[in-house]
Amino acid sequence: FFLLTILIVLGVGIYAGRKENTSEDYFLGGRSLP
């Protein structure tokens, strides 16, 4: 469970930021955060 939690957090984090191309995307989340 511990390892699965770590993998989920890492996977979601990397997947969420996969399309960040500009500084606005990186620092402001592309202004699209719910």
ModelCIF file with pLDDT and N, C-alpha, C, O atoms, coordinates in Angstrom:
data_MODEL
#
_entry.id   MODEL 
#
_entity.id                         1 
_entity.type                       polymer 
_entity.pdbx_number_of_molecules   1 
#
_entity_poly.entity_id                      1 
_entity_poly.type                           'polypeptide(L)' 
_entity_poly.nstd_linkage                   no 
_entity_poly.nstd_monomer                   no 
_entity_poly.pdbx_seq_one_letter_code       FFLLTILIVLGVGIYAGRKENTSEDYFLGGRSLP 
_entity_poly.pdbx_seq_one_letter_code_can   FFLLTILIVLGVGIYAGRKENTSEDYFLGGRSLP 
_entity_poly.pdbx_strand_id                 A 
#
loop_
_entity_poly_seq.entity_id 
_entity_poly_seq.num 
_entity_poly_seq.mon_id 
_entity_poly_seq.hetero 
1 1  PHE n 
1 2  PHE n 
1 3  LEU n 
1 4  LEU n 
1 5  THR n 
1 6  ILE n 
1 7  LEU n 
1 8  ILE n 
1 9  VAL n 
1 10 LEU n 
1 11 GLY n 
1 12 VAL n 
1 13 GLY n 
1 14 ILE n 
1 15 TYR n 
1 16 ALA n 
1 17 GLY n 
1 18 ARG n 
1 19 LYS n 
1 20 GLU n 
1 21 ASN n 
1 22 THR n 
1 23 SER n 
1 24 GLU n 
1 25 ASP n 
1 26 TYR n 
1 27 PHE n 
1 28 LEU n 
1 29 GLY n 
1 30 GLY n 
1 31 ARG n 
1 32 SER n 
1 33 LEU n 
1 34 PRO n 
#
_struct_asym.id          A 
_struct_asym.entity_id   1 
#
loop_
_ma_qa_metric.id 
_ma_qa_metric.mode 
_ma_qa_metric.name 
_ma_qa_metric.software_group_id 
_ma_qa_metric.type 
1 global pLDDT . pLDDT 
2 local  pLDDT . pLDDT 
#
_ma_qa_metric_global.metric_id      1 
_ma_qa_metric_global.metric_value   71.44 
_ma_qa_metric_global.model_id       1 
_ma_qa_metric_global.ordinal_id     1 
#
loop_
_ma_qa_metric_local.label_asym_id 
_ma_qa_metric_local.label_comp_id 
_ma_qa_metric_local.label_seq_id 
_ma_qa_metric_local.metric_id 
_ma_qa_metric_local.metric_value 
_ma_qa_metric_local.model_id 
_ma_qa_metric_local.ordinal_id 
A PHE 1  2 81.00 1 1  
A PHE 2  2 77.00 1 2  
A LEU 3  2 79.00 1 3  
A LEU 4  2 84.00 1 4  
A THR 5  2 80.00 1 5  
A ILE 6  2 77.00 1 6  
A LEU 7  2 82.00 1 7  
A ILE 8  2 81.00 1 8  
A VAL 9  2 77.00 1 9  
A LEU 10 2 76.00 1 10 
A GLY 11 2 80.00 1 11 
A VAL 12 2 77.00 1 12 
A GLY 13 2 73.00 1 13 
A ILE 14 2 74.00 1 14 
A TYR 15 2 76.00 1 15 
A ALA 16 2 70.00 1 16 
A GLY 17 2 67.00 1 17 
A ARG 18 2 69.00 1 18 
A LYS 19 2 68.00 1 19 
A GLU 20 2 66.00 1 20 
A ASN 21 2 64.00 1 21 
A THR 22 2 63.00 1 22 
A SER 23 2 62.00 1 23 
A GLU 24 2 62.00 1 24 
A ASP 25 2 60.00 1 25 
A TYR 26 2 59.00 1 26 
A PHE 27 2 59.00 1 27 
A LEU 28 2 62.00 1 28 
A GLY 29 2 62.00 1 29 
A GLY 30 2 61.00 1 30 
A ARG 31 2 69.00 1 31 
A SER 32 2 72.00 1 32 
A LEU 33 2 78.00 1 33 
A PRO 34 2 82.00 1 34 
#
loop_
_atom_site.group_PDB 
_atom_site.id 
_atom_site.type_symbol 
_atom_site.label_atom_id 
_atom_site.label_alt_id 
_atom_site.label_comp_id 
_atom_site.label_asym_id 
_atom_site.label_entity_id 
_atom_site.label_seq_id 
_atom_site.pdbx_PDB_ins_code 
_atom_site.Cartn_x 
_atom_site.Cartn_y 
_atom_site.Cartn_z 
_atom_site.occupancy 
_atom_site.B_iso_or_equiv 
_atom_site.pdbx_formal_charge 
_atom_site.auth_seq_id 
_atom_site.auth_comp_id 
_atom_site.auth_asym_id 
_atom_site.auth_atom_id 
_atom_site.pdbx_PDB_model_num 
ATOM 1   N N  . PHE A 1 1  ? 0.833   -1.202 0.000   1.00 81.00 ? 1  PHE A N  1 
ATOM 2   C CA . PHE A 1 1  ? 0.000   0.000  0.000   1.00 81.00 ? 1  PHE A CA 1 
ATOM 3   C C  . PHE A 1 1  ? 0.866   1.249  0.000   1.00 81.00 ? 1  PHE A C  1 
ATOM 4   O O  . PHE A 1 1  ? 0.559   2.225  -0.685  1.00 81.00 ? 1  PHE A O  1 
ATOM 5   N N  . PHE A 1 2  ? 1.948   1.217  0.769   1.00 77.00 ? 2  PHE A N  1 
ATOM 6   C CA . PHE A 1 2  ? 2.868   2.356  0.837   1.00 77.00 ? 2  PHE A CA 1 
ATOM 7   C C  . PHE A 1 2  ? 3.508   2.621  -0.526  1.00 77.00 ? 2  PHE A C  1 
ATOM 8   O O  . PHE A 1 2  ? 3.538   3.758  -0.998  1.00 77.00 ? 2  PHE A O  1 
ATOM 9   N N  . LEU A 1 3  ? 4.014   1.570  -1.144  1.00 79.00 ? 3  LEU A N  1 
ATOM 10  C CA . LEU A 1 3  ? 4.658   1.727  -2.452  1.00 79.00 ? 3  LEU A CA 1 
ATOM 11  C C  . LEU A 1 3  ? 3.649   2.131  -3.516  1.00 79.00 ? 3  LEU A C  1 
ATOM 12  O O  . LEU A 1 3  ? 3.964   2.944  -4.385  1.00 79.00 ? 3  LEU A O  1 
ATOM 13  N N  . LEU A 1 4  ? 2.441   1.576  -3.462  1.00 84.00 ? 4  LEU A N  1 
ATOM 14  C CA . LEU A 1 4  ? 1.404   1.937  -4.427  1.00 84.00 ? 4  LEU A CA 1 
ATOM 15  C C  . LEU A 1 4  ? 1.036   3.407  -4.295  1.00 84.00 ? 4  LEU A C  1 
ATOM 16  O O  . LEU A 1 4  ? 0.825   4.085  -5.300  1.00 84.00 ? 4  LEU A O  1 
ATOM 17  N N  . THR A 1 5  ? 0.957   3.908  -3.062  1.00 80.00 ? 5  THR A N  1 
ATOM 18  C CA . THR A 1 5  ? 0.649   5.322  -2.842  1.00 80.00 ? 5  THR A CA 1 
ATOM 19  C C  . THR A 1 5  ? 1.718   6.212  -3.452  1.00 80.00 ? 5  THR A C  1 
ATOM 20  O O  . THR A 1 5  ? 1.409   7.211  -4.102  1.00 80.00 ? 5  THR A O  1 
ATOM 21  N N  . ILE A 1 6  ? 2.987   5.845  -3.237  1.00 77.00 ? 6  ILE A N  1 
ATOM 22  C CA . ILE A 1 6  ? 4.091   6.627  -3.804  1.00 77.00 ? 6  ILE A CA 1 
ATOM 23  C C  . ILE A 1 6  ? 4.018   6.641  -5.322  1.00 77.00 ? 6  ILE A C  1 
ATOM 24  O O  . ILE A 1 6  ? 4.197   7.686  -5.947  1.00 77.00 ? 6  ILE A O  1 
ATOM 25  N N  . LEU A 1 7  ? 3.757   5.486  -5.913  1.00 82.00 ? 7  LEU A N  1 
ATOM 26  C CA . LEU A 1 7  ? 3.690   5.393  -7.373  1.00 82.00 ? 7  LEU A CA 1 
ATOM 27  C C  . LEU A 1 7  ? 2.519   6.205  -7.924  1.00 82.00 ? 7  LEU A C  1 
ATOM 28  O O  . LEU A 1 7  ? 2.645   6.833  -8.975  1.00 82.00 ? 7  LEU A O  1 
ATOM 29  N N  . ILE A 1 8  ? 1.392   6.200  -7.233  1.00 81.00 ? 8  ILE A N  1 
ATOM 30  C CA . ILE A 1 8  ? 0.222   6.977  -7.672  1.00 81.00 ? 8  ILE A CA 1 
ATOM 31  C C  . ILE A 1 8  ? 0.540   8.467  -7.625  1.00 81.00 ? 8  ILE A C  1 
ATOM 32  O O  . ILE A 1 8  ? 0.250   9.197  -8.573  1.00 81.00 ? 8  ILE A O  1 
ATOM 33  N N  . VAL A 1 9  ? 1.133   8.916  -6.528  1.00 77.00 ? 9  VAL A N  1 
ATOM 34  C CA . VAL A 1 9  ? 1.472   10.333 -6.393  1.00 77.00 ? 9  VAL A CA 1 
ATOM 35  C C  . VAL A 1 9  ? 2.468   10.755 -7.464  1.00 77.00 ? 9  VAL A C  1 
ATOM 36  O O  . VAL A 1 9  ? 2.298   11.800 -8.092  1.00 77.00 ? 9  VAL A O  1 
ATOM 37  N N  . LEU A 1 10 ? 3.512   9.946  -7.679  1.00 76.00 ? 10 LEU A N  1 
ATOM 38  C CA . LEU A 1 10 ? 4.497   10.262 -8.711  1.00 76.00 ? 10 LEU A CA 1 
ATOM 39  C C  . LEU A 1 10 ? 3.865   10.267 -10.096 1.00 76.00 ? 10 LEU A C  1 
ATOM 40  O O  . LEU A 1 10 ? 4.109   11.170 -10.896 1.00 76.00 ? 10 LEU A O  1 
ATOM 41  N N  . GLY A 1 11 ? 3.044   9.244  -10.377 1.00 80.00 ? 11 GLY A N  1 
ATOM 42  C CA . GLY A 1 11 ? 2.420   9.142  -11.697 1.00 80.00 ? 11 GLY A CA 1 
ATOM 43  C C  . GLY A 1 11 ? 1.486   10.298 -11.984 1.00 80.00 ? 11 GLY A C  1 
ATOM 44  O O  . GLY A 1 11 ? 1.519   10.874 -13.072 1.00 80.00 ? 11 GLY A O  1 
ATOM 45  N N  . VAL A 1 12 ? 0.640   10.644 -11.002 1.00 77.00 ? 12 VAL A N  1 
ATOM 46  C CA . VAL A 1 12 ? -0.298  11.751 -11.189 1.00 77.00 ? 12 VAL A CA 1 
ATOM 47  C C  . VAL A 1 12 ? 0.451   13.070 -11.355 1.00 77.00 ? 12 VAL A C  1 
ATOM 48  O O  . VAL A 1 12 ? 0.090   13.895 -12.194 1.00 77.00 ? 12 VAL A O  1 
ATOM 49  N N  . GLY A 1 13 ? 1.501   13.263 -10.548 1.00 73.00 ? 13 GLY A N  1 
ATOM 50  C CA . GLY A 1 13 ? 2.261   14.505 -10.633 1.00 73.00 ? 13 GLY A CA 1 
ATOM 51  C C  . GLY A 1 13 ? 2.918   14.684 -11.992 1.00 73.00 ? 13 GLY A C  1 
ATOM 52  O O  . GLY A 1 13 ? 2.832   15.757 -12.588 1.00 73.00 ? 13 GLY A O  1 
ATOM 53  N N  . ILE A 1 14 ? 3.578   13.635 -12.487 1.00 74.00 ? 14 ILE A N  1 
ATOM 54  C CA . ILE A 1 14 ? 4.258   13.722 -13.784 1.00 74.00 ? 14 ILE A CA 1 
ATOM 55  C C  . ILE A 1 14 ? 3.247   13.831 -14.917 1.00 74.00 ? 14 ILE A C  1 
ATOM 56  O O  . ILE A 1 14 ? 3.469   14.568 -15.877 1.00 74.00 ? 14 ILE A O  1 
ATOM 57  N N  . TYR A 1 15 ? 2.136   13.101 -14.812 1.00 76.00 ? 15 TYR A N  1 
ATOM 58  C CA . TYR A 1 15 ? 1.118   13.149 -15.862 1.00 76.00 ? 15 TYR A CA 1 
ATOM 59  C C  . TYR A 1 15 ? 0.452   14.519 -15.919 1.00 76.00 ? 15 TYR A C  1 
ATOM 60  O O  . TYR A 1 15 ? 0.170   15.027 -17.005 1.00 76.00 ? 15 TYR A O  1 
ATOM 61  N N  . ALA A 1 16 ? 0.196   15.126 -14.748 1.00 70.00 ? 16 ALA A N  1 
ATOM 62  C CA . ALA A 1 16 ? -0.490  16.430 -14.716 1.00 70.00 ? 16 ALA A CA 1 
ATOM 63  C C  . ALA A 1 16 ? 0.340   17.515 -15.386 1.00 70.00 ? 16 ALA A C  1 
ATOM 64  O O  . ALA A 1 16 ? -0.211  18.450 -15.967 1.00 70.00 ? 16 ALA A O  1 
ATOM 65  N N  . GLY A 1 17 ? 1.654   17.398 -15.308 1.00 67.00 ? 17 GLY A N  1 
ATOM 66  C CA . GLY A 1 17 ? 2.495   18.452 -15.863 1.00 67.00 ? 17 GLY A CA 1 
ATOM 67  C C  . GLY A 1 17 ? 3.126   18.109 -17.201 1.00 67.00 ? 17 GLY A C  1 
ATOM 68  O O  . GLY A 1 17 ? 4.103   18.737 -17.609 1.00 67.00 ? 17 GLY A O  1 
ATOM 69  N N  . ARG A 1 18 ? 2.577   17.123 -17.879 1.00 69.00 ? 18 ARG A N  1 
ATOM 70  C CA . ARG A 1 18 ? 3.209   16.650 -19.120 1.00 69.00 ? 18 ARG A CA 1 
ATOM 71  C C  . ARG A 1 18 ? 3.128   17.658 -20.260 1.00 69.00 ? 18 ARG A C  1 
ATOM 72  O O  . ARG A 1 18 ? 3.971   17.623 -21.157 1.00 69.00 ? 18 ARG A O  1 
ATOM 73  N N  . LYS A 1 19 ? 2.142   18.560 -20.258 1.00 68.00 ? 19 LYS A N  1 
ATOM 74  C CA . LYS A 1 19 ? 1.940   19.480 -21.379 1.00 68.00 ? 19 LYS A CA 1 
ATOM 75  C C  . LYS A 1 19 ? 2.292   20.921 -21.034 1.00 68.00 ? 19 LYS A C  1 
ATOM 76  O O  . LYS A 1 19 ? 1.789   21.852 -21.663 1.00 68.00 ? 19 LYS A O  1 
ATOM 77  N N  . GLU A 1 20 ? 3.137   21.106 -20.055 1.00 66.00 ? 20 GLU A N  1 
ATOM 78  C CA . GLU A 1 20 ? 3.514   22.458 -19.672 1.00 66.00 ? 20 GLU A CA 1 
ATOM 79  C C  . GLU A 1 20 ? 4.663   22.931 -20.556 1.00 66.00 ? 20 GLU A C  1 
ATOM 80  O O  . GLU A 1 20 ? 5.774   22.406 -20.485 1.00 66.00 ? 20 GLU A O  1 
ATOM 81  N N  . ASN A 1 21 ? 4.379   23.931 -21.388 1.00 64.00 ? 21 ASN A N  1 
ATOM 82  C CA . ASN A 1 21 ? 5.352   24.396 -22.371 1.00 64.00 ? 21 ASN A CA 1 
ATOM 83  C C  . ASN A 1 21 ? 5.876   25.803 -22.098 1.00 64.00 ? 21 ASN A C  1 
ATOM 84  O O  . ASN A 1 21 ? 6.928   26.187 -22.607 1.00 64.00 ? 21 ASN A O  1 
ATOM 85  N N  . THR A 1 22 ? 5.142   26.568 -21.294 1.00 63.00 ? 22 THR A N  1 
ATOM 86  C CA . THR A 1 22 ? 5.545   27.943 -21.019 1.00 63.00 ? 22 THR A CA 1 
ATOM 87  C C  . THR A 1 22 ? 5.706   28.146 -19.518 1.00 63.00 ? 22 THR A C  1 
ATOM 88  O O  . THR A 1 22 ? 5.316   27.300 -18.713 1.00 63.00 ? 22 THR A O  1 
ATOM 89  N N  . SER A 1 23 ? 6.292   29.289 -19.161 1.00 62.00 ? 23 SER A N  1 
ATOM 90  C CA . SER A 1 23 ? 6.457   29.604 -17.745 1.00 62.00 ? 23 SER A CA 1 
ATOM 91  C C  . SER A 1 23 ? 5.110   29.791 -17.059 1.00 62.00 ? 23 SER A C  1 
ATOM 92  O O  . SER A 1 23 ? 4.974   29.496 -15.872 1.00 62.00 ? 23 SER A O  1 
ATOM 93  N N  . GLU A 1 24 ? 4.118   30.277 -17.793 1.00 62.00 ? 24 GLU A N  1 
ATOM 94  C CA . GLU A 1 24 ? 2.778   30.432 -17.232 1.00 62.00 ? 24 GLU A CA 1 
ATOM 95  C C  . GLU A 1 24 ? 2.176   29.076 -16.930 1.00 62.00 ? 24 GLU A C  1 
ATOM 96  O O  . GLU A 1 24 ? 1.514   28.914 -15.905 1.00 62.00 ? 24 GLU A O  1 
ATOM 97  N N  . ASP A 1 25 ? 2.391   28.091 -17.805 1.00 60.00 ? 25 ASP A N  1 
ATOM 98  C CA . ASP A 1 25 ? 1.918   26.738 -17.548 1.00 60.00 ? 25 ASP A CA 1 
ATOM 99  C C  . ASP A 1 25 ? 2.605   26.161 -16.305 1.00 60.00 ? 25 ASP A C  1 
ATOM 100 O O  . ASP A 1 25 ? 1.968   25.513 -15.474 1.00 60.00 ? 25 ASP A O  1 
ATOM 101 N N  . TYR A 1 26 ? 3.900   26.404 -16.197 1.00 59.00 ? 26 TYR A N  1 
ATOM 102 C CA . TYR A 1 26 ? 4.672   25.780 -15.125 1.00 59.00 ? 26 TYR A CA 1 
ATOM 103 C C  . TYR A 1 26 ? 4.357   26.395 -13.765 1.00 59.00 ? 26 TYR A C  1 
ATOM 104 O O  . TYR A 1 26 ? 4.150   25.671 -12.791 1.00 59.00 ? 26 TYR A O  1 
ATOM 105 N N  . PHE A 1 27 ? 4.318   27.737 -13.690 1.00 59.00 ? 27 PHE A N  1 
ATOM 106 C CA . PHE A 1 27 ? 4.168   28.406 -12.402 1.00 59.00 ? 27 PHE A CA 1 
ATOM 107 C C  . PHE A 1 27 ? 2.714   28.719 -12.051 1.00 59.00 ? 27 PHE A C  1 
ATOM 108 O O  . PHE A 1 27 ? 2.394   28.872 -10.873 1.00 59.00 ? 27 PHE A O  1 
ATOM 109 N N  . LEU A 1 28 ? 1.832   28.818 -13.038 1.00 62.00 ? 28 LEU A N  1 
ATOM 110 C CA . LEU A 1 28 ? 0.433   29.179 -12.775 1.00 62.00 ? 28 LEU A CA 1 
ATOM 111 C C  . LEU A 1 28 ? -0.547  28.089 -13.191 1.00 62.00 ? 28 LEU A C  1 
ATOM 112 O O  . LEU A 1 28 ? -1.759  28.298 -13.152 1.00 62.00 ? 28 LEU A O  1 
ATOM 113 N N  . GLY A 1 29 ? -0.034  26.933 -13.588 1.00 62.00 ? 29 GLY A N  1 
ATOM 114 C CA . GLY A 1 29 ? -0.921  25.834 -13.960 1.00 62.00 ? 29 GLY A CA 1 
ATOM 115 C C  . GLY A 1 29 ? -1.729  26.114 -15.206 1.00 62.00 ? 29 GLY A C  1 
ATOM 116 O O  . GLY A 1 29 ? -2.809  25.551 -15.384 1.00 62.00 ? 29 GLY A O  1 
ATOM 117 N N  . GLY A 1 30 ? -1.217  26.986 -16.080 1.00 61.00 ? 30 GLY A N  1 
ATOM 118 C CA . GLY A 1 30 ? -1.944  27.304 -17.299 1.00 61.00 ? 30 GLY A CA 1 
ATOM 119 C C  . GLY A 1 30 ? -3.256  28.021 -17.049 1.00 61.00 ? 30 GLY A C  1 
ATOM 120 O O  . GLY A 1 30 ? -4.088  28.116 -17.952 1.00 61.00 ? 30 GLY A O  1 
ATOM 121 N N  . ARG A 1 31 ? -3.457  28.530 -15.836 1.00 69.00 ? 31 ARG A N  1 
ATOM 122 C CA . ARG A 1 31 ? -4.713  29.213 -15.442 1.00 69.00 ? 31 ARG A CA 1 
ATOM 123 C C  . ARG A 1 31 ? -5.941  28.340 -15.676 1.00 69.00 ? 31 ARG A C  1 
ATOM 124 O O  . ARG A 1 31 ? -7.021  28.848 -15.980 1.00 69.00 ? 31 ARG A O  1 
ATOM 125 N N  . SER A 1 32 ? -5.778  27.051 -15.538 1.00 72.00 ? 32 SER A N  1 
ATOM 126 C CA . SER A 1 32 ? -6.888  26.135 -15.823 1.00 72.00 ? 32 SER A CA 1 
ATOM 127 C C  . SER A 1 32 ? -7.179  25.198 -14.661 1.00 72.00 ? 32 SER A C  1 
ATOM 128 O O  . SER A 1 32 ? -7.825  24.166 -14.847 1.00 72.00 ? 32 SER A O  1 
ATOM 129 N N  . LEU A 1 33 ? -6.714  25.541 -13.473 1.00 78.00 ? 33 LEU A N  1 
ATOM 130 C CA . LEU A 1 33 ? -6.922  24.661 -12.320 1.00 78.00 ? 33 LEU A CA 1 
ATOM 131 C C  . LEU A 1 33 ? -8.365  24.750 -11.832 1.00 78.00 ? 33 LEU A C  1 
ATOM 132 O O  . LEU A 1 33 ? -8.889  25.857 -11.701 1.00 78.00 ? 33 LEU A O  1 
ATOM 133 N N  . PRO A 1 34 ? -9.025  23.628 -11.558 1.00 82.00 ? 34 PRO A N  1 
ATOM 134 C CA . PRO A 1 34 ? -10.399 23.658 -11.037 1.00 82.00 ? 34 PRO A CA 1 
ATOM 135 C C  . PRO A 1 34 ? -10.421 24.115 -9.585  1.00 82.00 ? 34 PRO A C  1 
ATOM 136 O O  . PRO A 1 34 ? -11.491 24.201 -8.981  1.00 82.00 ? 34 PRO A O  1 
#
